[in-house]
Amino acid sequence: MGAYDRMDELQEKYDEKQREMRALRGKELFGRNAYDLCLVPNVQTPHKFKVLDFEKYKGTCCPKDHLVMYARKMSAYANDNQVVIHYFQDSLTGAALKWYMSLDRTKI
C-alpha cells in the first residue's frame, strides 16, 4: 500500500469519526449559537428571582393537574409570559421534557 492509499484510508476514518460525533451530539446543534437554542431567547429574569422547586411531570399523572400546579407556583410571575414559559422546562422530565425541548420557538 502506497503513501497516498494510506492517506486516503486515514481520511476516510477521520470523516467517519466526524459523522459519528455529529450523530452523538445532535447534528441540528452544529452551527447554532446560544440564541438559536433558546425557546425564549430574550427572557428577562426578574431581579432576585429564585428558581423554584417543581414536582417533575413524568407523564404518569394528569397533565392538567401539573399545569395548574405549575401556574400556581409561578403566580407571582403570571404577567410575564416569557419567564413562565422559560422555566416550565424545569418542571418536566423524561418524554415530556424531550417533547418540550423539540418545540420550535416560532410556534409558541
PDB file of N, CA and C in Angstrom:
ATOM      1  N   MET A   1       0.854  -1.177   0.000  1.00  0.00           N
ATOM      2  CA  MET A   1       0.000   0.000   0.000  1.00  0.00           C
ATOM      3  C   MET A   1       0.895   1.234   0.000  1.00  0.00           C
ATOM      4  N   GLY A   2       0.606   2.133  -0.897  1.00  0.00           N
ATOM      5  CA  GLY A   2       1.401   3.336  -1.028  1.00  0.00           C
ATOM      6  C   GLY A   2       0.989   4.401  -0.013  1.00  0.00           C
ATOM      7  N   ALA A   3       1.795   5.442   0.053  1.00  0.00           N
ATOM      8  CA  ALA A   3       1.541   6.531   0.995  1.00  0.00           C
ATOM      9  C   ALA A   3       0.209   7.220   0.705  1.00  0.00           C
ATOM     10  N   TYR A   4      -0.126   7.383  -0.573  1.00  0.00           N
ATOM     11  CA  TYR A   4      -1.389   8.046  -0.926  1.00  0.00           C
ATOM     12  C   TYR A   4      -2.599   7.194  -0.530  1.00  0.00           C
ATOM     13  N   ASP A   5      -2.456   5.870  -0.722  1.00  0.00           N
ATOM     14  CA  ASP A   5      -3.541   4.978  -0.316  1.00  0.00           C
ATOM     15  C   ASP A   5      -3.755   5.043   1.193  1.00  0.00           C
ATOM     16  N   ARG A   6      -2.673   5.097   1.930  1.00  0.00           N
ATOM     17  CA  ARG A   6      -2.753   5.179   3.401  1.00  0.00           C
ATOM     18  C   ARG A   6      -3.402   6.498   3.830  1.00  0.00           C
ATOM     19  N   MET A   7      -3.061   7.589   3.142  1.00  0.00           N
ATOM     20  CA  MET A   7      -3.655   8.897   3.448  1.00  0.00           C
ATOM     21  C   MET A   7      -5.157   8.867   3.175  1.00  0.00           C
ATOM     22  N   ASP A   8      -5.570   8.259   2.059  1.00  0.00           N
ATOM     23  CA  ASP A   8      -6.989   8.146   1.734  1.00  0.00           C
ATOM     24  C   ASP A   8      -7.728   7.340   2.800  1.00  0.00           C
ATOM     25  N   GLU A   9      -7.111   6.268   3.256  1.00  0.00           N
ATOM     26  CA  GLU A   9      -7.708   5.427   4.290  1.00  0.00           C
ATOM     27  C   GLU A   9      -7.865   6.207   5.599  1.00  0.00           C
ATOM     28  N   LEU A  10      -6.836   6.953   5.977  1.00  0.00           N
ATOM     29  CA  LEU A  10      -6.903   7.766   7.190  1.00  0.00           C
ATOM     30  C   LEU A  10      -7.958   8.856   7.076  1.00  0.00           C
ATOM     31  N   GLN A  11      -8.063   9.467   5.890  1.00  0.00           N
ATOM     32  CA  GLN A  11      -9.079  10.499   5.674  1.00  0.00           C
ATOM     33  C   GLN A  11     -10.475   9.916   5.802  1.00  0.00           C
ATOM     34  N   GLU A  12     -10.691   8.731   5.259  1.00  0.00           N
ATOM     35  CA  GLU A  12     -11.991   8.068   5.366  1.00  0.00           C
ATOM     36  C   GLU A  12     -12.334   7.775   6.826  1.00  0.00           C
ATOM     37  N   LYS A  13     -11.367   7.299   7.585  1.00  0.00           N
ATOM     38  CA  LYS A  13     -11.601   7.018   9.013  1.00  0.00           C
ATOM     39  C   LYS A  13     -11.908   8.298   9.778  1.00  0.00           C
ATOM     40  N   TYR A  14     -11.181   9.347   9.449  1.00  0.00           N
ATOM     41  CA  TYR A  14     -11.419  10.641  10.092  1.00  0.00           C
ATOM     42  C   TYR A  14     -12.830  11.137   9.790  1.00  0.00           C
ATOM     43  N   ASP A  15     -13.235  11.069   8.520  1.00  0.00           N
ATOM     44  CA  ASP A  15     -14.574  11.505   8.122  1.00  0.00           C
ATOM     45  C   ASP A  15     -15.651  10.679   8.831  1.00  0.00           C
ATOM     46  N   GLU A  16     -15.419   9.390   8.966  1.00  0.00           N
ATOM     47  CA  GLU A  16     -16.378   8.519   9.649  1.00  0.00           C
ATOM     48  C   GLU A  16     -16.505   8.919  11.127  1.00  0.00           C
ATOM     49  N   LYS A  17     -15.413   9.207  11.774  1.00  0.00           N
ATOM     50  CA  LYS A  17     -15.443   9.632  13.185  1.00  0.00           C
ATOM     51  C   LYS A  17     -16.157  10.974  13.332  1.00  0.00           C
ATOM     52  N   GLN A  18     -15.967  11.864  12.391  1.00  0.00           N
ATOM     53  CA  GLN A  18     -16.674  13.149  12.417  1.00  0.00           C
ATOM     54  C   GLN A  18     -18.180  12.928  12.320  1.00  0.00           C
ATOM     55  N   ARG A  19     -18.610  12.050  11.430  1.00  0.00           N
ATOM     56  CA  ARG A  19     -20.033  11.741  11.286  1.00  0.00           C
ATOM     57  C   ARG A  19     -20.591  11.143  12.573  1.00  0.00           C
ATOM     58  N   GLU A  20     -19.847  10.263  13.207  1.00  0.00           N
ATOM     59  CA  GLU A  20     -20.283   9.655  14.466  1.00  0.00           C
ATOM     60  C   GLU A  20     -20.425  10.711  15.555  1.00  0.00           C
ATOM     61  N   MET A  21     -19.475  11.629  15.628  1.00  0.00           N
ATOM     62  CA  MET A  21     -19.536  12.687  16.639  1.00  0.00           C
ATOM     63  C   MET A  21     -20.751  13.581  16.415  1.00  0.00           C
ATOM     64  N   ARG A  22     -21.022  13.922  15.179  1.00  0.00           N
ATOM     65  CA  ARG A  22     -22.200  14.749  14.877  1.00  0.00           C
ATOM     66  C   ARG A  22     -23.483  14.034  15.284  1.00  0.00           C
ATOM     67  N   ALA A  23     -23.548  12.744  15.021  1.00  0.00           N
ATOM     68  CA  ALA A  23     -24.741  11.967  15.376  1.00  0.00           C
ATOM     69  C   ALA A  23     -24.916  11.917  16.888  1.00  0.00           C
ATOM     70  N   LEU A  24     -23.831  11.758  17.612  1.00  0.00           N
ATOM     71  CA  LEU A  24     -23.908  11.696  19.074  1.00  0.00           C
ATOM     72  C   LEU A  24     -24.289  13.034  19.678  1.00  0.00           C
ATOM     73  N   ARG A  25     -23.785  14.099  19.146  1.00  0.00           N
ATOM     74  CA  ARG A  25     -24.037  15.433  19.699  1.00  0.00           C
ATOM     75  C   ARG A  25     -25.348  16.030  19.206  1.00  0.00           C
ATOM     76  N   GLY A  26     -25.862  15.526  18.140  1.00  0.00           N
ATOM     77  CA  GLY A  26     -27.090  16.093  17.582  1.00  0.00           C
ATOM     78  C   GLY A  26     -26.736  17.035  16.449  1.00  0.00           C
ATOM     79  N   LYS A  27     -26.849  16.554  15.246  1.00  0.00           N
ATOM     80  CA  LYS A  27     -26.398  17.323  14.087  1.00  0.00           C
ATOM     81  C   LYS A  27     -27.091  18.663  13.951  1.00  0.00           C
ATOM     82  N   GLU A  28     -28.293  18.795  14.513  1.00  0.00           N
ATOM     83  CA  GLU A  28     -29.013  20.053  14.394  1.00  0.00           C
ATOM     84  C   GLU A  28     -28.362  21.174  15.205  1.00  0.00           C
ATOM     85  N   LEU A  29     -27.526  20.823  16.188  1.00  0.00           N
ATOM     86  CA  LEU A  29     -26.929  21.839  17.045  1.00  0.00           C
ATOM     87  C   LEU A  29     -25.700  22.492  16.420  1.00  0.00           C
ATOM     88  N   PHE A  30     -25.061  21.823  15.485  1.00  0.00           N
ATOM     89  CA  PHE A  30     -23.854  22.376  14.885  1.00  0.00           C
ATOM     90  C   PHE A  30     -24.184  23.648  14.121  1.00  0.00           C
ATOM     91  N   GLY A  31     -23.371  24.642  14.310  1.00  0.00           N
ATOM     92  CA  GLY A  31     -23.542  25.893  13.598  1.00  0.00           C
ATOM     93  C   GLY A  31     -24.574  26.814  14.211  1.00  0.00           C
ATOM     94  N   ARG A  32     -25.040  26.515  15.394  1.00  0.00           N
ATOM     95  CA  ARG A  32     -26.018  27.373  16.056  1.00  0.00           C
ATOM     96  C   ARG A  32     -25.392  28.018  17.283  1.00  0.00           C
ATOM     97  N   ASN A  33     -25.851  29.211  17.577  1.00  0.00           N
ATOM     98  CA  ASN A  33     -25.367  29.874  18.778  1.00  0.00           C
ATOM     99  C   ASN A  33     -26.397  29.721  19.896  1.00  0.00           C
ATOM    100  N   ALA A  34     -26.087  30.227  21.070  1.00  0.00           N
ATOM    101  CA  ALA A  34     -26.972  30.074  22.224  1.00  0.00           C
ATOM    102  C   ALA A  34     -28.339  30.691  21.973  1.00  0.00           C
ATOM    103  N   TYR A  35     -28.381  31.804  21.288  1.00  0.00           N
ATOM    104  CA  TYR A  35     -29.657  32.462  20.977  1.00  0.00           C
ATOM    105  C   TYR A  35     -30.575  31.527  20.194  1.00  0.00           C
ATOM    106  N   ASP A  36     -30.006  30.832  19.216  1.00  0.00           N
ATOM    107  CA  ASP A  36     -30.791  29.928  18.381  1.00  0.00           C
ATOM    108  C   ASP A  36     -31.335  28.738  19.167  1.00  0.00           C
ATOM    109  N   LEU A  37     -30.673  28.363  20.235  1.00  0.00           N
ATOM    110  CA  LEU A  37     -31.079  27.196  21.009  1.00  0.00           C
ATOM    111  C   LEU A  37     -32.134  27.502  22.063  1.00  0.00           C
ATOM    112  N   CYS A  38     -32.367  28.765  22.350  1.00  0.00           N
ATOM    113  CA  CYS A  38     -33.315  29.145  23.404  1.00  0.00           C
ATOM    114  C   CYS A  38     -34.736  29.193  22.876  1.00  0.00           C
ATOM    115  N   LEU A  39     -35.657  28.632  23.653  1.00  0.00           N
ATOM    116  CA  LEU A  39     -37.070  28.703  23.299  1.00  0.00           C
ATOM    117  C   LEU A  39     -37.586  30.123  23.512  1.00  0.00           C
ATOM    118  N   VAL A  40     -37.100  30.771  24.565  1.00  0.00           N
ATOM    119  CA  VAL A  40     -37.467  32.159  24.871  1.00  0.00           C
ATOM    120  C   VAL A  40     -36.146  32.932  24.984  1.00  0.00           C
ATOM    121  N   PRO A  41     -35.572  33.347  23.853  1.00  0.00           N
ATOM    122  CA  PRO A  41     -34.225  33.912  23.866  1.00  0.00           C
ATOM    123  C   PRO A  41     -34.075  35.263  24.553  1.00  0.00           C
ATOM    124  N   ASN A  42     -35.113  36.055  24.630  1.00  0.00           N
ATOM    125  CA  ASN A  42     -34.978  37.395  25.217  1.00  0.00           C
ATOM    126  C   ASN A  42     -35.582  37.490  26.610  1.00  0.00           C
ATOM    127  N   VAL A  43     -35.683  36.366  27.293  1.00  0.00           N
ATOM    128  CA  VAL A  43     -36.290  36.369  28.623  1.00  0.00           C
ATOM    129  C   VAL A  43     -35.476  37.250  29.565  1.00  0.00           C
ATOM    130  N   GLN A  44     -36.180  38.043  30.346  1.00  0.00           N
ATOM    131  CA  GLN A  44     -35.555  38.909  31.344  1.00  0.00           C
ATOM    132  C   GLN A  44     -35.896  38.322  32.716  1.00  0.00           C
ATOM    133  N   THR A  45     -34.952  37.687  33.340  1.00  0.00           N
ATOM    134  CA  THR A  45     -35.198  37.110  34.651  1.00  0.00           C
ATOM    135  C   THR A  45     -35.337  38.247  35.660  1.00  0.00           C
ATOM    136  N   PRO A  46     -36.441  38.252  36.417  1.00  0.00           N
ATOM    137  CA  PRO A  46     -36.648  39.319  37.390  1.00  0.00           C
ATOM    138  C   PRO A  46     -35.530  39.394  38.430  1.00  0.00           C
ATOM    139  N   HIS A  47     -35.272  40.595  38.902  1.00  0.00           N
ATOM    140  CA  HIS A  47     -34.260  40.812  39.930  1.00  0.00           C
ATOM    141  C   HIS A  47     -34.611  39.972  41.156  1.00  0.00           C
ATOM    142  N   LYS A  48     -33.623  39.327  41.725  1.00  0.00           N
ATOM    143  CA  LYS A  48     -33.772  38.463  42.898  1.00  0.00           C
ATOM    144  C   LYS A  48     -34.666  37.253  42.643  1.00  0.00           C
ATOM    145  N   PHE A  49     -34.798  36.834  41.380  1.00  0.00           N
ATOM    146  CA  PHE A  49     -35.595  35.654  41.053  1.00  0.00           C
ATOM    147  C   PHE A  49     -34.890  34.416  41.567  1.00  0.00           C
ATOM    148  N   LYS A  50     -35.619  33.564  42.234  1.00  0.00           N
ATOM    149  CA  LYS A  50     -35.076  32.305  42.722  1.00  0.00           C
ATOM    150  C   LYS A  50     -35.798  31.187  41.988  1.00  0.00           C
ATOM    151  N   VAL A  51     -35.042  30.292  41.376  1.00  0.00           N
ATOM    152  CA  VAL A  51     -35.652  29.171  40.666  1.00  0.00           C
ATOM    153  C   VAL A  51     -36.390  28.313  41.679  1.00  0.00           C
ATOM    154  N   LEU A  52     -37.649  28.057  41.383  1.00  0.00           N
ATOM    155  CA  LEU A  52     -38.491  27.301  42.290  1.00  0.00           C
ATOM    156  C   LEU A  52     -38.277  25.800  42.111  1.00  0.00           C
ATOM    157  N   ASP A  53     -38.588  25.049  43.158  1.00  0.00           N
ATOM    158  CA  ASP A  53     -38.556  23.593  43.061  1.00  0.00           C
ATOM    159  C   ASP A  53     -39.908  23.129  42.548  1.00  0.00           C
ATOM    160  N   PHE A  54     -39.881  22.332  41.501  1.00  0.00           N
ATOM    161  CA  PHE A  54     -41.107  21.832  40.910  1.00  0.00           C
ATOM    162  C   PHE A  54     -41.144  20.321  41.001  1.00  0.00           C
ATOM    163  N   GLU A  55     -42.345  19.796  41.219  1.00  0.00           N
ATOM    164  CA  GLU A  55     -42.530  18.362  41.087  1.00  0.00           C
ATOM    165  C   GLU A  55     -42.431  18.073  39.600  1.00  0.00           C
ATOM    166  N   LYS A  56     -41.607  17.140  39.233  1.00  0.00           N
ATOM    167  CA  LYS A  56     -41.374  16.845  37.819  1.00  0.00           C
ATOM    168  C   LYS A  56     -42.539  16.059  37.226  1.00  0.00           C
ATOM    169  N   TYR A  57     -42.982  16.509  36.051  1.00  0.00           N
ATOM    170  CA  TYR A  57     -44.021  15.794  35.320  1.00  0.00           C
ATOM    171  C   TYR A  57     -43.360  14.674  34.533  1.00  0.00           C
ATOM    172  N   LYS A  58     -43.780  13.445  34.806  1.00  0.00           N
ATOM    173  CA  LYS A  58     -43.179  12.277  34.165  1.00  0.00           C
ATOM    174  C   LYS A  58     -44.113  11.617  33.161  1.00  0.00           C
ATOM    175  N   GLY A  59     -45.325  12.156  33.044  1.00  0.00           N
ATOM    176  CA  GLY A  59     -46.282  11.568  32.129  1.00  0.00           C
ATOM    177  C   GLY A  59     -47.173  10.530  32.782  1.00  0.00           C
ATOM    178  N   THR A  60     -47.061  10.359  34.095  1.00  0.00           N
ATOM    179  CA  THR A  60     -47.851   9.336  34.781  1.00  0.00           C
ATOM    180  C   THR A  60     -49.031   9.919  35.548  1.00  0.00           C
ATOM    181  N   CYS A  61     -49.172  11.231  35.527  1.00  0.00           N
ATOM    182  CA  CYS A  61     -50.310  11.858  36.201  1.00  0.00           C
ATOM    183  C   CYS A  61     -51.033  12.752  35.188  1.00  0.00           C
ATOM    184  N   CYS A  62     -52.057  13.394  35.630  1.00  0.00           N
ATOM    185  CA  CYS A  62     -52.861  14.237  34.744  1.00  0.00           C
ATOM    186  C   CYS A  62     -52.067  15.482  34.326  1.00  0.00           C
ATOM    187  N   PRO A  63     -51.915  15.735  33.032  1.00  0.00           N
ATOM    188  CA  PRO A  63     -51.170  16.920  32.587  1.00  0.00           C
ATOM    189  C   PRO A  63     -51.837  18.223  33.019  1.00  0.00           C
ATOM    190  N   LYS A  64     -53.164  18.232  33.078  1.00  0.00           N
ATOM    191  CA  LYS A  64     -53.872  19.444  33.507  1.00  0.00           C
ATOM    192  C   LYS A  64     -53.525  19.757  34.964  1.00  0.00           C
ATOM    193  N   ASP A  65     -53.489  18.734  35.821  1.00  0.00           N
ATOM    194  CA  ASP A  65     -53.115  18.941  37.223  1.00  0.00           C
ATOM    195  C   ASP A  65     -51.701  19.513  37.323  1.00  0.00           C
ATOM    196  N   HIS A  66     -50.810  19.009  36.495  1.00  0.00           N
ATOM    197  CA  HIS A  66     -49.430  19.511  36.510  1.00  0.00           C
ATOM    198  C   HIS A  66     -49.388  20.978  36.100  1.00  0.00           C
ATOM    199  N   LEU A  67     -50.128  21.335  35.062  1.00  0.00           N
ATOM    200  CA  LEU A  67     -50.160  22.734  34.613  1.00  0.00           C
ATOM    201  C   LEU A  67     -50.738  23.657  35.676  1.00  0.00           C
ATOM    202  N   VAL A  68     -51.785  23.211  36.354  1.00  0.00           N
ATOM    203  CA  VAL A  68     -52.377  24.013  37.428  1.00  0.00           C
ATOM    204  C   VAL A  68     -51.358  24.212  38.546  1.00  0.00           C
ATOM    205  N   MET A  69     -50.676  23.135  38.938  1.00  0.00           N
ATOM    206  CA  MET A  69     -49.651  23.232  39.986  1.00  0.00           C
ATOM    207  C   MET A  69     -48.551  24.208  39.565  1.00  0.00           C
ATOM    208  N   TYR A  70     -48.101  24.086  38.333  1.00  0.00           N
ATOM    209  CA  TYR A  70     -47.033  24.965  37.843  1.00  0.00           C
ATOM    210  C   TYR A  70     -47.505  26.423  37.838  1.00  0.00           C
ATOM    211  N   ALA A  71     -48.699  26.672  37.316  1.00  0.00           N
ATOM    212  CA  ALA A  71     -49.234  28.039  37.243  1.00  0.00           C
ATOM    213  C   ALA A  71     -49.371  28.649  38.633  1.00  0.00           C
ATOM    214  N   ARG A  72     -49.803  27.861  39.587  1.00  0.00           N
ATOM    215  CA  ARG A  72     -49.953  28.380  40.950  1.00  0.00           C
ATOM    216  C   ARG A  72     -48.599  28.717  41.569  1.00  0.00           C
ATOM    217  N   LYS A  73     -47.609  27.872  41.326  1.00  0.00           N
ATOM    218  CA  LYS A  73     -46.282  28.166  41.863  1.00  0.00           C
ATOM    219  C   LYS A  73     -45.668  29.402  41.211  1.00  0.00           C
ATOM    220  N   MET A  74     -46.005  29.627  39.951  1.00  0.00           N
ATOM    221  CA  MET A  74     -45.446  30.761  39.204  1.00  0.00           C
ATOM    222  C   MET A  74     -46.379  31.967  39.220  1.00  0.00           C
ATOM    223  N   SER A  75     -47.381  31.970  40.066  1.00  0.00           N
ATOM    224  CA  SER A  75     -48.395  33.032  40.051  1.00  0.00           C
ATOM    225  C   SER A  75     -47.795  34.426  40.248  1.00  0.00           C
ATOM    226  N   ALA A  76     -46.695  34.542  40.959  1.00  0.00           N
ATOM    227  CA  ALA A  76     -46.062  35.850  41.150  1.00  0.00           C
ATOM    228  C   ALA A  76     -45.543  36.412  39.824  1.00  0.00           C
ATOM    229  N   TYR A  77     -45.369  35.538  38.826  1.00  0.00           N
ATOM    230  CA  TYR A  77     -44.837  35.959  37.528  1.00  0.00           C
ATOM    231  C   TYR A  77     -45.868  35.780  36.415  1.00  0.00           C
ATOM    232  N   ALA A  78     -47.135  35.661  36.788  1.00  0.00           N
ATOM    233  CA  ALA A  78     -48.205  35.377  35.821  1.00  0.00           C
ATOM    234  C   ALA A  78     -48.293  36.416  34.705  1.00  0.00           C
ATOM    235  N   ASN A  79     -47.856  37.624  34.945  1.00  0.00           N
ATOM    236  CA  ASN A  79     -47.908  38.674  33.916  1.00  0.00           C
ATOM    237  C   ASN A  79     -46.677  38.671  33.008  1.00  0.00           C
ATOM    238  N   ASP A  80     -45.748  37.775  33.269  1.00  0.00           N
ATOM    239  CA  ASP A  80     -44.517  37.702  32.475  1.00  0.00           C
ATOM    240  C   ASP A  80     -44.469  36.349  31.766  1.00  0.00           C
ATOM    241  N   ASN A  81     -45.119  36.267  30.610  1.00  0.00           N
ATOM    242  CA  ASN A  81     -45.196  35.006  29.867  1.00  0.00           C
ATOM    243  C   ASN A  81     -43.834  34.411  29.545  1.00  0.00           C
ATOM    244  N   GLN A  82     -42.864  35.260  29.252  1.00  0.00           N
ATOM    245  CA  GLN A  82     -41.541  34.747  28.902  1.00  0.00           C
ATOM    246  C   GLN A  82     -40.917  33.980  30.059  1.00  0.00           C
ATOM    247  N   VAL A  83     -41.019  34.499  31.260  1.00  0.00           N
ATOM    248  CA  VAL A  83     -40.460  33.819  32.430  1.00  0.00           C
ATOM    249  C   VAL A  83     -41.219  32.512  32.674  1.00  0.00           C
ATOM    250  N   VAL A  84     -42.540  32.566  32.595  1.00  0.00           N
ATOM    251  CA  VAL A  84     -43.351  31.376  32.837  1.00  0.00           C
ATOM    252  C   VAL A  84     -43.013  30.278  31.819  1.00  0.00           C
ATOM    253  N   ILE A  85     -42.888  30.642  30.562  1.00  0.00           N
ATOM    254  CA  ILE A  85     -42.559  29.661  29.524  1.00  0.00           C
ATOM    255  C   ILE A  85     -41.135  29.151  29.699  1.00  0.00           C
ATOM    256  N   HIS A  86     -40.207  30.056  29.968  1.00  0.00           N
ATOM    257  CA  HIS A  86     -38.799  29.677  30.087  1.00  0.00           C
ATOM    258  C   HIS A  86     -38.566  28.656  31.197  1.00  0.00           C
ATOM    259  N   TYR A  87     -39.176  28.832  32.336  1.00  0.00           N
ATOM    260  CA  TYR A  87     -38.922  27.947  33.477  1.00  0.00           C
ATOM    261  C   TYR A  87     -39.810  26.707  33.500  1.00  0.00           C
ATOM    262  N   PHE A  88     -40.750  26.594  32.579  1.00  0.00           N
ATOM    263  CA  PHE A  88     -41.600  25.411  32.526  1.00  0.00           C
ATOM    264  C   PHE A  88     -40.779  24.146  32.317  1.00  0.00           C
ATOM    265  N   GLN A  89     -39.703  24.251  31.563  1.00  0.00           N
ATOM    266  CA  GLN A  89     -38.856  23.084  31.311  1.00  0.00           C
ATOM    267  C   GLN A  89     -38.318  22.474  32.604  1.00  0.00           C
ATOM    268  N   ASP A  90     -38.170  23.288  33.643  1.00  0.00           N
ATOM    269  CA  ASP A  90     -37.662  22.783  34.919  1.00  0.00           C
ATOM    270  C   ASP A  90     -38.667  21.882  35.622  1.00  0.00           C
ATOM    271  N   SER A  91     -39.919  21.873  35.156  1.00  0.00           N
ATOM    272  CA  SER A  91     -40.946  21.042  35.781  1.00  0.00           C
ATOM    273  C   SER A  91     -41.186  19.745  35.015  1.00  0.00           C
ATOM    274  N   LEU A  92     -40.372  19.485  34.002  1.00  0.00           N
ATOM    275  CA  LEU A  92     -40.574  18.301  33.161  1.00  0.00           C
ATOM    276  C   LEU A  92     -39.399  17.345  33.252  1.00  0.00           C
ATOM    277  N   THR A  93     -39.675  16.098  32.923  1.00  0.00           N
ATOM    278  CA  THR A  93     -38.621  15.090  32.846  1.00  0.00           C
ATOM    279  C   THR A  93     -39.040  14.026  31.837  1.00  0.00           C
ATOM    280  N   GLY A  94     -38.107  13.212  31.425  1.00  0.00           N
ATOM    281  CA  GLY A  94     -38.410  12.102  30.521  1.00  0.00           C
ATOM    282  C   GLY A  94     -38.959  12.545  29.178  1.00  0.00           C
ATOM    283  N   ALA A  95     -39.980  11.832  28.717  1.00  0.00           N
ATOM    284  CA  ALA A  95     -40.566  12.095  27.396  1.00  0.00           C
ATOM    285  C   ALA A  95     -41.173  13.491  27.313  1.00  0.00           C
ATOM    286  N   ALA A  96     -41.747  13.968  28.424  1.00  0.00           N
ATOM    287  CA  ALA A  96     -42.342  15.307  28.420  1.00  0.00           C
ATOM    288  C   ALA A  96     -41.271  16.367  28.179  1.00  0.00           C
ATOM    289  N   LEU A  97     -40.117  16.223  28.805  1.00  0.00           N
ATOM    290  CA  LEU A  97     -39.019  17.169  28.599  1.00  0.00           C
ATOM    291  C   LEU A  97     -38.487  17.066  27.171  1.00  0.00           C
ATOM    292  N   LYS A  98     -38.378  15.859  26.676  1.00  0.00           N
ATOM    293  CA  LYS A  98     -37.895  15.672  25.304  1.00  0.00           C
ATOM    294  C   LYS A  98     -38.834  16.372  24.322  1.00  0.00           C
ATOM    295  N   TRP A  99     -40.153  16.233  24.528  1.00  0.00           N
ATOM    296  CA  TRP A  99     -41.126  16.912  23.680  1.00  0.00           C
ATOM    297  C   TRP A  99     -40.933  18.424  23.756  1.00  0.00           C
ATOM    298  N   TYR A 100     -40.819  18.947  24.975  1.00  0.00           N
ATOM    299  CA  TYR A 100     -40.696  20.392  25.170  1.00  0.00           C
ATOM    300  C   TYR A 100     -39.440  20.927  24.492  1.00  0.00           C
ATOM    301  N   MET A 101     -38.356  20.175  24.602  1.00  0.00           N
ATOM    302  CA  MET A 101     -37.092  20.616  24.015  1.00  0.00           C
ATOM    303  C   MET A 101     -37.142  20.596  22.482  1.00  0.00           C
ATOM    304  N   SER A 102     -38.087  19.877  21.915  1.00  0.00           N
ATOM    305  CA  SER A 102     -38.186  19.817  20.453  1.00  0.00           C
ATOM    306  C   SER A 102     -39.067  20.917  19.876  1.00  0.00           C
ATOM    307  N   LEU A 103     -39.693  21.720  20.725  1.00  0.00           N
ATOM    308  CA  LEU A 103     -40.595  22.772  20.243  1.00  0.00           C
ATOM    309  C   LEU A 103     -39.835  23.844  19.465  1.00  0.00           C
ATOM    310  N   ASP A 104     -40.496  24.408  18.514  1.00  0.00           N
ATOM    311  CA  ASP A 104     -39.941  25.494  17.715  1.00  0.00           C
ATOM    312  C   ASP A 104     -40.444  26.807  18.282  1.00  0.00           C
ATOM    313  N   ARG A 105     -39.539  27.710  18.648  1.00  0.00           N
ATOM    314  CA  ARG A 105     -39.959  28.943  19.303  1.00  0.00           C
ATOM    315  C   ARG A 105     -40.855  29.823  18.441  1.00  0.00           C
ATOM    316  N   THR A 106     -40.802  29.642  17.133  1.00  0.00           N
ATOM    317  CA  THR A 106     -41.656  30.443  16.263  1.00  0.00           C
ATOM    318  C   THR A 106     -43.110  29.995  16.323  1.00  0.00           C
ATOM    319  N   LYS A 107     -43.365  28.843  16.961  1.00  0.00           N
ATOM    320  CA  LYS A 107     -44.727  28.331  17.060  1.00  0.00           C
ATOM    321  C   LYS A 107     -45.274  28.370  18.476  1.00  0.00           C
ATOM    322  N   ILE A 108     -44.593  29.061  19.354  1.00  0.00           N
ATOM    323  CA  ILE A 108     -45.062  29.190  20.741  1.00  0.00           C
ATOM    324  C   ILE A 108     -46.094  30.289  20.808  1.00  0.00           C
TER     325      ILE A 108
END
